[in-house]
Amino acid sequence: MFKEKIQYPCQWHYRIIGNDKKELNEAALEILDKEFITTPCKESKSGKYHSINIEVLVNNQQERDEIFTKLRKDPRIHYVL
């Protein structure tokens, strides 16, 4: 099986999902200690769940994984993709 090699540094995208758009943005601001871009994404039909996309420059696999772990551990964020 062919596994594509990622060239670092590169722009990486995370999608975070939670109950409140404002809280998702606050969590991103608190967790990421570098410049990033957020864009709103989908909302569930009932309005209970919201998601935003985060785009950030990562320098290596370790940094990419650390950001993922920090996002995943935040109680305001239910899912990280």
N, C-alpha and C. Protein backbone atom coordinates (compact mmCIF):
# COMPACT_ATOMS: atom_id res chain seq x y z
N MET A 1 0.85 -1.17 0.00
CA MET A 1 0.00 0.00 0.00
C MET A 1 0.90 1.24 0.00
N PHE A 2 0.51 2.23 -0.79
CA PHE A 2 1.27 3.48 -0.92
C PHE A 2 0.80 4.48 0.12
N LYS A 3 1.74 5.01 0.89
CA LYS A 3 1.42 6.03 1.87
C LYS A 3 2.10 7.33 1.44
N GLU A 4 1.28 8.36 1.27
CA GLU A 4 1.81 9.64 0.81
C GLU A 4 2.66 10.29 1.90
N LYS A 5 3.82 10.79 1.51
CA LYS A 5 4.72 11.45 2.45
C LYS A 5 4.33 12.93 2.54
N ILE A 6 4.21 13.41 3.75
CA ILE A 6 3.85 14.81 3.98
C ILE A 6 5.13 15.62 4.03
N GLN A 7 5.17 16.70 3.29
CA GLN A 7 6.32 17.60 3.28
C GLN A 7 6.08 18.72 4.30
N TYR A 8 6.95 18.81 5.29
CA TYR A 8 6.85 19.85 6.31
C TYR A 8 7.85 20.94 6.02
N PRO A 9 7.58 22.18 6.43
CA PRO A 9 6.33 22.67 7.02
C PRO A 9 5.21 22.70 5.98
N CYS A 10 3.97 22.60 6.47
CA CYS A 10 2.81 22.64 5.58
C CYS A 10 1.61 23.19 6.33
N GLN A 11 0.63 23.64 5.58
CA GLN A 11 -0.63 24.08 6.16
C GLN A 11 -1.43 22.82 6.49
N TRP A 12 -1.94 22.74 7.72
CA TRP A 12 -2.73 21.58 8.12
C TRP A 12 -4.11 22.05 8.54
N HIS A 13 -5.12 21.24 8.25
CA HIS A 13 -6.50 21.59 8.55
C HIS A 13 -7.07 20.65 9.61
N TYR A 14 -7.73 21.24 10.58
CA TYR A 14 -8.46 20.49 11.59
C TYR A 14 -9.90 20.98 11.53
N ARG A 15 -10.85 20.10 11.74
CA ARG A 15 -12.24 20.51 11.90
C ARG A 15 -12.63 20.14 13.32
N ILE A 16 -13.13 21.13 14.07
CA ILE A 16 -13.56 20.86 15.43
C ILE A 16 -15.07 21.04 15.52
N ILE A 17 -15.70 20.19 16.30
CA ILE A 17 -17.15 20.15 16.42
C ILE A 17 -17.53 20.25 17.89
N GLY A 18 -18.52 21.09 18.17
CA GLY A 18 -19.00 21.26 19.54
C GLY A 18 -20.38 21.88 19.55
N ASN A 19 -20.84 22.28 20.74
CA ASN A 19 -22.18 22.83 20.89
C ASN A 19 -22.28 24.33 20.67
N ASP A 20 -21.18 25.05 20.74
CA ASP A 20 -21.24 26.50 20.69
C ASP A 20 -20.10 27.06 19.83
N LYS A 21 -20.45 27.81 18.78
CA LYS A 21 -19.43 28.38 17.88
C LYS A 21 -18.45 29.27 18.62
N LYS A 22 -18.97 30.10 19.52
CA LYS A 22 -18.12 31.02 20.26
C LYS A 22 -17.11 30.25 21.12
N GLU A 23 -17.57 29.20 21.78
CA GLU A 23 -16.67 28.38 22.60
C GLU A 23 -15.62 27.66 21.75
N LEU A 24 -15.99 27.23 20.56
CA LEU A 24 -15.02 26.58 19.67
C LEU A 24 -13.92 27.56 19.29
N ASN A 25 -14.30 28.79 18.96
CA ASN A 25 -13.30 29.81 18.61
C ASN A 25 -12.42 30.15 19.81
N GLU A 26 -13.02 30.25 20.99
CA GLU A 26 -12.24 30.53 22.21
C GLU A 26 -11.25 29.41 22.49
N ALA A 27 -11.70 28.17 22.32
CA ALA A 27 -10.81 27.02 22.56
C ALA A 27 -9.63 27.07 21.60
N ALA A 28 -9.89 27.35 20.34
CA ALA A 28 -8.81 27.43 19.35
C ALA A 28 -7.81 28.52 19.74
N LEU A 29 -8.31 29.67 20.16
CA LEU A 29 -7.43 30.78 20.56
C LEU A 29 -6.56 30.40 21.76
N GLU A 30 -7.13 29.69 22.72
CA GLU A 30 -6.40 29.31 23.92
C GLU A 30 -5.38 28.20 23.65
N ILE A 31 -5.71 27.28 22.76
CA ILE A 31 -4.87 26.11 22.52
C ILE A 31 -3.72 26.40 21.56
N LEU A 32 -4.00 27.13 20.50
CA LEU A 32 -2.97 27.38 19.49
C LEU A 32 -2.18 28.62 19.86
N ASP A 33 -0.89 28.45 20.00
CA ASP A 33 -0.03 29.57 20.37
C ASP A 33 0.71 30.12 19.15
N LYS A 34 0.04 30.05 18.01
CA LYS A 34 0.60 30.55 16.77
C LYS A 34 -0.53 31.07 15.89
N GLU A 35 -0.17 31.70 14.81
CA GLU A 35 -1.16 32.26 13.90
C GLU A 35 -1.94 31.15 13.20
N PHE A 36 -3.25 31.34 13.06
CA PHE A 36 -4.09 30.36 12.37
C PHE A 36 -5.30 31.07 11.79
N ILE A 37 -6.00 30.38 10.92
CA ILE A 37 -7.21 30.91 10.29
C ILE A 37 -8.37 29.99 10.64
N THR A 38 -9.51 30.56 11.03
CA THR A 38 -10.71 29.76 11.24
C THR A 38 -11.77 30.17 10.23
N THR A 39 -12.53 29.19 9.81
CA THR A 39 -13.68 29.46 8.94
C THR A 39 -14.85 28.65 9.47
N PRO A 40 -16.03 29.28 9.53
CA PRO A 40 -17.20 28.55 10.00
C PRO A 40 -17.53 27.43 9.02
N CYS A 41 -18.12 26.39 9.54
CA CYS A 41 -18.47 25.25 8.71
C CYS A 41 -19.94 24.94 8.92
N LYS A 42 -20.27 23.69 8.90
CA LYS A 42 -21.67 23.28 8.99
C LYS A 42 -22.22 23.38 10.41
N GLU A 43 -23.54 23.39 10.44
CA GLU A 43 -24.30 23.38 11.69
C GLU A 43 -25.34 22.28 11.53
N SER A 44 -25.64 21.56 12.60
CA SER A 44 -26.66 20.51 12.50
C SER A 44 -28.03 21.13 12.26
N LYS A 45 -28.93 20.35 11.74
CA LYS A 45 -30.29 20.85 11.44
C LYS A 45 -30.95 21.42 12.68
N SER A 46 -30.73 20.79 13.81
CA SER A 46 -31.35 21.25 15.06
C SER A 46 -30.61 22.44 15.67
N GLY A 47 -29.40 22.72 15.17
CA GLY A 47 -28.60 23.81 15.73
C GLY A 47 -27.83 23.43 16.98
N LYS A 48 -27.87 22.14 17.34
CA LYS A 48 -27.20 21.69 18.55
C LYS A 48 -25.68 21.61 18.38
N TYR A 49 -25.24 21.23 17.17
CA TYR A 49 -23.81 21.08 16.92
C TYR A 49 -23.32 22.05 15.87
N HIS A 50 -22.13 22.58 16.08
CA HIS A 50 -21.50 23.52 15.17
C HIS A 50 -20.09 23.02 14.89
N SER A 51 -19.54 23.43 13.75
CA SER A 51 -18.15 23.07 13.47
C SER A 51 -17.44 24.25 12.82
N ILE A 52 -16.14 24.30 13.06
CA ILE A 52 -15.30 25.29 12.40
C ILE A 52 -14.05 24.58 11.88
N ASN A 53 -13.51 25.12 10.82
CA ASN A 53 -12.25 24.63 10.26
C ASN A 53 -11.13 25.52 10.77
N ILE A 54 -10.01 24.88 11.09
CA ILE A 54 -8.81 25.60 11.53
C ILE A 54 -7.71 25.26 10.54
N GLU A 55 -7.03 26.28 10.05
CA GLU A 55 -5.87 26.09 9.18
C GLU A 55 -4.66 26.70 9.86
N VAL A 56 -3.61 25.89 10.02
CA VAL A 56 -2.42 26.34 10.75
C VAL A 56 -1.18 25.74 10.11
N LEU A 57 -0.09 26.47 10.16
CA LEU A 57 1.18 25.99 9.65
C LEU A 57 1.83 25.10 10.70
N VAL A 58 2.10 23.84 10.34
CA VAL A 58 2.79 22.92 11.24
C VAL A 58 4.16 22.62 10.67
N ASN A 59 5.13 22.51 11.57
CA ASN A 59 6.52 22.32 11.15
C ASN A 59 6.95 20.87 11.06
N ASN A 60 6.22 19.98 11.76
CA ASN A 60 6.59 18.56 11.74
C ASN A 60 5.44 17.72 12.28
N GLN A 61 5.59 16.41 12.17
CA GLN A 61 4.56 15.46 12.61
C GLN A 61 4.26 15.61 14.10
N GLN A 62 5.30 15.80 14.90
CA GLN A 62 5.12 15.92 16.34
C GLN A 62 4.23 17.13 16.68
N GLU A 63 4.51 18.27 16.07
CA GLU A 63 3.69 19.45 16.32
C GLU A 63 2.25 19.21 15.88
N ARG A 64 2.06 18.59 14.74
CA ARG A 64 0.73 18.30 14.22
C ARG A 64 -0.04 17.42 15.20
N ASP A 65 0.61 16.38 15.72
CA ASP A 65 -0.03 15.48 16.68
C ASP A 65 -0.32 16.17 18.01
N GLU A 66 0.59 17.03 18.47
CA GLU A 66 0.38 17.75 19.74
C GLU A 66 -0.85 18.66 19.65
N ILE A 67 -1.00 19.35 18.54
CA ILE A 67 -2.17 20.23 18.36
C ILE A 67 -3.44 19.39 18.39
N PHE A 68 -3.42 18.27 17.67
CA PHE A 68 -4.59 17.38 17.64
C PHE A 68 -4.96 16.93 19.06
N THR A 69 -3.97 16.51 19.83
CA THR A 69 -4.21 16.02 21.19
C THR A 69 -4.78 17.12 22.08
N LYS A 70 -4.22 18.32 21.99
CA LYS A 70 -4.73 19.44 22.80
C LYS A 70 -6.17 19.76 22.43
N LEU A 71 -6.48 19.78 21.16
CA LEU A 71 -7.86 20.05 20.72
C LEU A 71 -8.80 18.96 21.23
N ARG A 72 -8.38 17.72 21.11
CA ARG A 72 -9.21 16.59 21.52
C ARG A 72 -9.50 16.58 23.01
N LYS A 73 -8.57 17.06 23.83
CA LYS A 73 -8.74 17.03 25.29
C LYS A 73 -9.59 18.17 25.82
N ASP A 74 -9.83 19.20 25.01
CA ASP A 74 -10.61 20.35 25.48
C ASP A 74 -12.09 19.96 25.62
N PRO A 75 -12.70 20.21 26.79
CA PRO A 75 -14.09 19.79 27.01
C PRO A 75 -15.11 20.53 26.13
N ARG A 76 -14.76 21.67 25.57
CA ARG A 76 -15.68 22.40 24.70
C ARG A 76 -15.76 21.79 23.30
N ILE A 77 -14.78 20.95 22.99
CA ILE A 77 -14.70 20.33 21.67
C ILE A 77 -15.10 18.85 21.79
N HIS A 78 -16.14 18.46 21.05
CA HIS A 78 -16.61 17.07 21.12
C HIS A 78 -15.86 16.15 20.15
N TYR A 79 -15.52 16.67 18.97
CA TYR A 79 -14.83 15.87 17.96
C TYR A 79 -13.79 16.70 17.25
N VAL A 80 -12.69 16.05 16.85
CA VAL A 80 -11.65 16.68 16.05
C VAL A 80 -11.43 15.78 14.84
N LEU A 81 -11.50 16.37 13.68
CA LEU A 81 -11.26 15.63 12.44
C LEU A 81 -10.05 16.20 11.75
